[in-house]
Amino acid sequence: MKLPRRHFLHLAAGAAALPAVSRIAWAQAYPTRPVRLIVGFGAGGTPDIIARLMGQWLSERLGRPFVIENRPGGGTNIATEAVVRAPPDGYTLLNVTTSNAINVSLYETLKYDLIRDIAPVASMVRVPIVMVVTPLVPAKTVPEFIAYAKTNPGKLNFASTGNGNLSHLSGELFKMMADVKMVHVPYRGSPPAQVDLFSGQVQVMFDTLPALIEHIRSAKLRALAVGTATRSNALPDLPTISEFVPGYEASGVGGIGAPKGTSAEIIDKLNSEINAGLSDLKIKARLADLGYTALGGSPVEYGKLIIEEVEKWGKVVKFANIKPE
């Protein structure tokens, strides 16, 4: 039987629309099973805290477990490679951090391209870097510390949570912009660095505010300033480094990414729920108490922020000639 032309065109248009309709229906049903959120750091660290906070929110909102899977090692490269190799179905996500942006310039060869292989889903938080000193150091302000460092060139040790990470690069950026000489001492994470900072074996450290805030509040460590462009609501009396070193800015950005090819419908659904979580009063209060600043926004905006982070920290890696261990 020969179909009328109008009937045939109607059927053809309907068939062409089927893939789009099925994608939307699939996204509406998502998730139908547990989702893995892979974190490139150990449990209890700054990235892990926000991942678990948001994972719990997503689990409650979407009705399926968002399981936090810690895969430390390789400067977050192990975790990132696992997500890059995963099917782009929305069931494996990456906790993207500033370390991912740093790695683009730090490593000469990577098994993935961050911008090409990871689709931005949503930015979550900005976390300040805070500059702290052992109470044995006489300086109580950034200008006093700079003067002290210049009268003791090369005699001050600055601790970091590892070679080539945000803690290290924040110190190198300070050295560069304040024109001081300090010896870098890398540790495997924040806790062992803090132990030597308490005893005075190292004198200064640049680390995330959530990692140090309790020691600052208990006066075990003396905070001199935060690295963000504006003061932190968690410690409003603490100045910014840029008030004394114009243009200095050091902070971490945390967000969620997915394997390239993940459907726009799933990405948009996750983005919407993450933004809702960041607006929740309980989550906002918890983030503020820890020193985080909630971000949010669209996937496109997050993609632009990732590119900005890659470019910014790439300049520091090049200037300081930093190499991975």
Protein backbone atom coordinates (compact mmCIF):
# COMPACT_ATOMS: atom_id res chain seq x y z
CA MET A 1 0.00 0.00 0.00
CA LYS A 2 1.33 3.39 -1.00
CA LEU A 3 1.32 5.92 1.82
CA PRO A 4 0.20 9.49 1.15
CA ARG A 5 3.17 11.87 1.10
CA ARG A 6 1.90 13.85 4.14
CA HIS A 7 1.42 10.65 6.16
CA PHE A 8 4.89 9.41 5.19
CA LEU A 9 6.57 12.67 6.24
CA HIS A 10 4.69 12.58 9.54
CA LEU A 11 5.93 9.06 10.27
CA ALA A 12 9.50 9.95 9.27
CA ALA A 13 9.53 12.98 11.56
CA GLY A 14 8.23 10.85 14.40
CA ALA A 15 10.94 8.25 13.87
CA ALA A 16 13.65 10.90 13.84
CA ALA A 17 12.40 12.26 17.14
CA LEU A 18 12.54 8.87 18.85
CA PRO A 19 16.24 9.04 19.91
CA ALA A 20 15.72 12.45 21.55
CA VAL A 21 12.58 11.27 23.31
CA SER A 22 14.31 8.12 24.56
CA ARG A 23 17.26 10.16 25.87
CA ILE A 24 14.94 12.45 27.79
CA ALA A 25 12.99 9.51 29.21
CA TRP A 26 16.27 7.82 30.20
CA ALA A 27 17.47 10.97 31.95
CA GLN A 28 14.16 11.33 33.77
CA ALA A 29 14.50 7.78 35.11
CA TYR A 30 18.19 8.29 36.04
CA PRO A 31 19.60 6.97 38.29
CA THR A 32 18.22 3.45 38.47
CA ARG A 33 21.23 2.04 40.34
CA PRO A 34 24.08 3.28 42.58
CA VAL A 35 26.36 6.01 41.22
CA ARG A 36 30.10 6.09 41.94
CA LEU A 37 31.68 9.45 42.77
CA ILE A 38 35.45 8.91 42.55
CA VAL A 39 37.70 11.09 44.71
CA GLY A 40 41.43 11.29 43.97
CA PHE A 41 42.34 11.75 47.64
CA GLY A 42 42.07 9.72 50.82
CA ALA A 43 39.10 9.78 53.15
CA GLY A 44 38.84 12.76 55.48
CA GLY A 45 40.67 15.25 53.30
CA THR A 46 39.23 18.53 52.06
CA PRO A 47 37.96 17.14 48.69
CA ASP A 48 36.52 14.09 50.42
CA ILE A 49 34.49 16.22 52.85
CA ILE A 50 32.59 18.10 50.16
CA ALA A 51 32.18 14.95 48.03
CA ARG A 52 30.51 13.12 50.92
CA LEU A 53 28.34 16.10 51.79
CA MET A 54 27.09 16.43 48.23
CA GLY A 55 26.92 12.66 47.73
CA GLN A 56 24.53 12.37 50.66
CA TRP A 57 22.38 15.17 49.27
CA LEU A 58 22.19 13.55 45.82
CA SER A 59 21.39 10.16 47.34
CA GLU A 60 18.44 11.63 49.23
CA ARG A 61 17.21 13.72 46.31
CA LEU A 62 17.52 11.10 43.57
CA GLY A 63 16.70 7.99 45.58
CA ARG A 64 19.82 5.96 44.76
CA PRO A 65 23.14 5.73 46.62
CA PHE A 66 25.94 8.02 45.47
CA VAL A 67 28.90 5.98 46.69
CA ILE A 68 32.15 7.84 47.44
CA GLU A 69 35.10 5.84 46.14
CA ASN A 70 38.51 7.09 47.27
CA ARG A 71 41.32 6.40 44.80
CA PRO A 72 44.33 8.39 45.99
CA GLY A 73 47.64 8.34 44.18
CA GLY A 74 49.32 9.80 41.13
CA GLY A 75 48.29 13.32 42.06
CA THR A 76 44.62 12.47 41.28
CA ASN A 77 45.61 10.92 37.93
CA ILE A 78 44.57 7.40 38.99
CA ALA A 79 41.07 8.58 39.84
CA THR A 80 40.79 10.69 36.70
CA GLU A 81 41.89 7.86 34.41
CA ALA A 82 39.29 5.57 35.99
CA VAL A 83 36.53 8.02 35.14
CA VAL A 84 37.84 8.71 31.63
CA ARG A 85 37.72 4.95 30.91
CA ALA A 86 34.24 4.51 32.39
CA PRO A 87 31.09 4.29 30.24
CA PRO A 88 29.51 7.73 29.71
CA ASP A 89 26.23 6.70 31.30
CA GLY A 90 26.18 8.93 34.39
CA TYR A 91 27.06 6.14 36.82
CA THR A 92 30.73 7.08 37.26
CA LEU A 93 31.54 10.68 38.20
CA LEU A 94 34.75 12.49 39.12
CA ASN A 95 35.35 14.84 42.01
CA VAL A 96 37.32 17.45 40.05
CA THR A 97 39.77 19.59 42.03
CA THR A 98 42.42 22.21 41.36
CA SER A 99 44.96 19.37 41.35
CA ASN A 100 43.42 18.22 38.06
CA ALA A 101 44.01 21.67 36.59
CA ILE A 102 47.60 21.75 37.89
CA ASN A 103 48.38 18.34 36.43
CA VAL A 104 47.79 19.60 32.89
CA SER A 105 51.07 21.55 33.13
CA LEU A 106 52.84 19.49 35.79
CA TYR A 107 53.01 16.25 33.82
CA GLU A 108 54.61 16.16 30.39
CA THR A 109 52.46 13.20 29.37
CA LEU A 110 49.06 12.16 30.66
CA LYS A 111 46.84 9.31 29.54
CA TYR A 112 43.95 11.71 29.14
CA ASP A 113 43.13 15.31 28.21
CA LEU A 114 41.24 16.97 31.07
CA ILE A 115 39.41 19.50 28.88
CA ARG A 116 38.58 16.99 26.15
CA ASP A 117 37.84 13.85 28.17
CA ILE A 118 35.99 15.15 31.23
CA ALA A 119 32.63 16.86 30.75
CA PRO A 120 31.98 19.59 33.35
CA VAL A 121 28.81 18.97 35.35
CA ALA A 122 28.79 21.55 38.14
CA SER A 123 31.17 23.61 40.24
CA MET A 124 30.53 23.17 43.95
CA VAL A 125 32.89 25.14 46.16
CA ARG A 126 35.85 27.45 46.39
CA VAL A 127 38.09 26.68 49.34
CA PRO A 128 40.58 29.28 50.60
CA ILE A 129 44.23 28.59 51.05
CA VAL A 130 45.35 29.93 54.43
CA MET A 131 48.89 30.94 55.36
CA VAL A 132 49.85 29.74 58.84
CA VAL A 133 53.04 29.82 60.89
CA THR A 134 54.25 28.02 63.96
CA PRO A 135 53.87 30.20 67.09
CA LEU A 136 57.68 30.05 67.35
CA VAL A 137 57.91 32.45 64.41
CA PRO A 138 57.82 36.05 65.70
CA ALA A 139 55.82 37.39 62.73
CA LYS A 140 52.16 38.12 63.42
CA THR A 141 51.27 39.68 60.06
CA VAL A 142 52.14 39.08 56.42
CA PRO A 143 54.36 42.19 56.21
CA GLU A 144 56.21 41.09 59.35
CA PHE A 145 56.68 37.62 57.88
CA ILE A 146 58.02 39.03 54.60
CA ALA A 147 60.50 41.20 56.52
CA TYR A 148 61.50 38.22 58.68
CA ALA A 149 62.00 36.01 55.61
CA LYS A 150 64.11 38.63 53.86
CA THR A 151 66.41 38.94 56.86
CA ASN A 152 66.69 35.15 56.94
CA PRO A 153 66.92 34.21 53.24
CA GLY A 154 66.75 30.46 52.62
CA LYS A 155 66.53 29.68 56.35
CA LEU A 156 62.76 29.30 56.51
CA ASN A 157 61.12 26.00 55.54
CA PHE A 158 57.63 25.98 54.09
CA ALA A 159 55.68 22.76 54.32
CA SER A 160 53.26 21.47 51.71
CA THR A 161 50.95 18.50 51.50
CA GLY A 162 52.90 17.14 48.54
CA ASN A 163 55.07 18.09 45.61
CA GLY A 164 53.21 19.79 42.78
CA ASN A 165 49.85 20.14 44.49
CA LEU A 166 47.84 23.25 45.43
CA SER A 167 49.54 23.61 48.81
CA HIS A 168 52.98 23.60 47.15
CA LEU A 169 52.03 25.96 44.32
CA SER A 170 50.39 28.41 46.71
CA GLY A 171 53.71 28.69 48.55
CA GLU A 172 55.63 29.08 45.31
CA LEU A 173 53.24 31.80 44.18
CA PHE A 174 53.84 33.63 47.47
CA LYS A 175 57.61 33.29 47.08
CA MET A 176 57.39 34.68 43.57
CA MET A 177 55.10 37.61 44.32
CA ALA A 178 56.55 38.57 47.73
CA ASP A 179 60.13 38.06 46.49
CA VAL A 180 61.23 35.88 49.41
CA LYS A 181 63.38 32.76 49.57
CA MET A 182 62.10 29.71 51.43
CA VAL A 183 62.94 26.01 51.25
CA HIS A 184 60.09 23.74 50.18
CA VAL A 185 59.54 20.63 52.32
CA PRO A 186 56.89 18.29 50.86
CA TYR A 187 54.92 15.83 53.02
CA ARG A 188 52.50 13.05 52.24
CA GLY A 189 49.36 14.89 53.20
CA SER A 190 48.44 17.57 55.69
CA PRO A 191 48.59 15.69 59.05
CA PRO A 192 52.34 14.88 59.00
CA ALA A 193 53.13 18.40 57.83
CA GLN A 194 51.10 19.81 60.72
CA VAL A 195 53.05 17.70 63.24
CA ASP A 196 56.34 19.25 62.12
CA LEU A 197 54.73 22.68 62.01
CA PHE A 198 53.62 22.33 65.64
CA SER A 199 57.18 21.45 66.69
CA GLY A 200 58.79 24.20 64.62
CA GLN A 201 60.77 21.92 62.27
CA VAL A 202 59.02 23.81 59.47
CA GLN A 203 57.94 27.39 59.98
CA VAL A 204 55.15 28.17 57.51
CA MET A 205 52.51 26.32 55.54
CA PHE A 206 49.93 27.10 52.87
CA ASP A 207 47.01 24.70 53.07
CA THR A 208 43.24 24.66 52.73
CA LEU A 209 41.26 26.39 55.45
CA PRO A 210 39.14 23.30 56.33
CA ALA A 211 42.33 21.33 56.98
CA LEU A 212 43.69 23.92 59.41
CA ILE A 213 40.74 25.80 60.83
CA GLU A 214 40.48 23.86 64.11
CA HIS A 215 44.20 24.37 64.82
CA ILE A 216 43.78 28.06 64.08
CA ARG A 217 40.81 28.35 66.42
CA SER A 218 42.69 26.50 69.18
CA ALA A 219 45.78 28.75 68.64
CA LYS A 220 48.05 25.78 67.90
CA LEU A 221 48.88 27.58 64.68
CA ARG A 222 48.91 31.29 63.93
CA ALA A 223 47.01 32.28 60.80
CA LEU A 224 48.43 35.28 58.97
CA ALA A 225 46.02 35.58 56.03
CA VAL A 226 43.78 33.76 53.56
CA GLY A 227 44.60 33.38 49.90
CA THR A 228 41.20 34.21 48.43
CA ALA A 229 40.48 37.62 46.92
CA THR A 230 38.01 38.38 49.72
CA ARG A 231 38.03 37.53 53.41
CA SER A 232 36.53 34.28 54.63
CA ASN A 233 33.25 34.37 56.54
CA ALA A 234 34.62 31.58 58.74
CA LEU A 235 37.44 33.86 59.98
CA PRO A 236 36.21 37.37 59.10
CA ASP A 237 38.94 39.18 61.06
CA LEU A 238 41.70 37.44 59.10
CA PRO A 239 43.02 39.60 56.24
CA THR A 240 43.71 38.40 52.72
CA ILE A 241 47.26 37.98 51.46
CA SER A 242 46.38 40.32 48.59
CA GLU A 243 45.90 43.17 51.06
CA PHE A 244 49.70 43.10 51.44
CA VAL A 245 50.80 41.32 48.23
CA PRO A 246 48.59 42.88 45.53
CA GLY A 247 47.21 40.39 43.02
CA TYR A 248 47.89 37.26 45.08
CA GLU A 249 45.07 34.71 44.93
CA ALA A 250 45.26 31.05 45.92
CA SER A 251 42.26 28.85 46.43
CA GLY A 252 40.96 25.47 45.42
CA VAL A 253 37.91 24.84 43.28
CA GLY A 254 35.90 21.66 43.65
CA GLY A 255 33.26 20.33 41.30
CA ILE A 256 31.85 17.30 39.53
CA GLY A 257 32.80 15.96 36.11
CA ALA A 258 31.67 13.03 33.97
CA PRO A 259 33.18 11.04 31.10
CA LYS A 260 32.93 12.77 27.73
CA GLY A 261 29.85 11.65 25.84
CA THR A 262 27.61 11.67 28.90
CA SER A 263 24.20 12.88 27.75
CA ALA A 264 23.36 16.55 28.19
CA GLU A 265 20.09 15.51 29.83
CA ILE A 266 21.88 13.62 32.63
CA ILE A 267 24.45 16.39 33.07
CA ASP A 268 21.69 18.99 33.32
CA LYS A 269 19.79 16.87 35.85
CA LEU A 270 22.86 16.49 38.06
CA ASN A 271 23.69 20.16 37.67
CA SER A 272 20.22 21.18 38.80
CA GLU A 273 20.33 18.93 41.88
CA ILE A 274 23.84 20.05 42.87
CA ASN A 275 22.82 23.71 42.60
CA ALA A 276 19.79 22.95 44.76
CA GLY A 277 22.07 21.37 47.35
CA LEU A 278 24.34 24.39 47.41
CA SER A 279 21.27 26.55 48.12
CA ASP A 280 20.07 24.34 50.98
CA LEU A 281 20.35 26.22 54.27
CA LYS A 282 21.82 23.29 56.23
CA ILE A 283 24.47 22.59 53.60
CA LYS A 284 25.29 26.30 53.27
CA ALA A 285 25.76 26.57 57.02
CA ARG A 286 28.00 23.49 57.11
CA LEU A 287 30.12 24.78 54.23
CA ALA A 288 30.47 28.21 55.81
CA ASP A 289 31.56 26.75 59.13
CA LEU A 290 34.33 24.79 57.38
CA GLY A 291 35.46 27.80 55.37
CA TYR A 292 34.07 26.84 51.96
CA THR A 293 32.33 29.27 49.62
CA ALA A 294 29.50 27.72 47.60
CA LEU A 295 29.75 28.28 43.83
CA GLY A 296 27.20 26.60 41.56
CA GLY A 297 26.25 27.68 38.06
CA SER A 298 25.87 26.00 34.69
CA PRO A 299 28.07 23.28 33.15
CA VAL A 300 29.33 25.86 30.62
CA GLU A 301 30.35 28.25 33.37
CA TYR A 302 32.15 25.46 35.19
CA GLY A 303 33.99 24.51 31.99
CA LYS A 304 35.25 28.09 31.66
CA LEU A 305 36.38 28.06 35.30
CA ILE A 306 38.37 24.86 34.75
CA ILE A 307 40.16 26.43 31.79
CA GLU A 308 40.98 29.52 33.89
CA GLU A 309 42.43 27.28 36.61
CA VAL A 310 44.54 25.38 34.08
CA GLU A 311 45.99 28.61 32.69
CA LYS A 312 46.62 30.23 36.08
CA TRP A 313 48.46 27.36 37.72
CA GLY A 314 50.29 26.47 34.53
CA LYS A 315 52.12 29.79 34.81
CA VAL A 316 53.24 28.99 38.37
CA VAL A 317 54.42 25.49 37.40
CA LYS A 318 56.48 26.98 34.58
CA PHE A 319 57.92 29.86 36.62
CA ALA A 320 58.98 27.65 39.55
CA ASN A 321 60.09 24.85 37.22
CA ILE A 322 58.13 22.31 39.29
CA LYS A 323 58.45 18.65 38.34
CA PRO A 324 56.38 15.71 39.59
CA GLU A 325 58.03 13.32 42.03
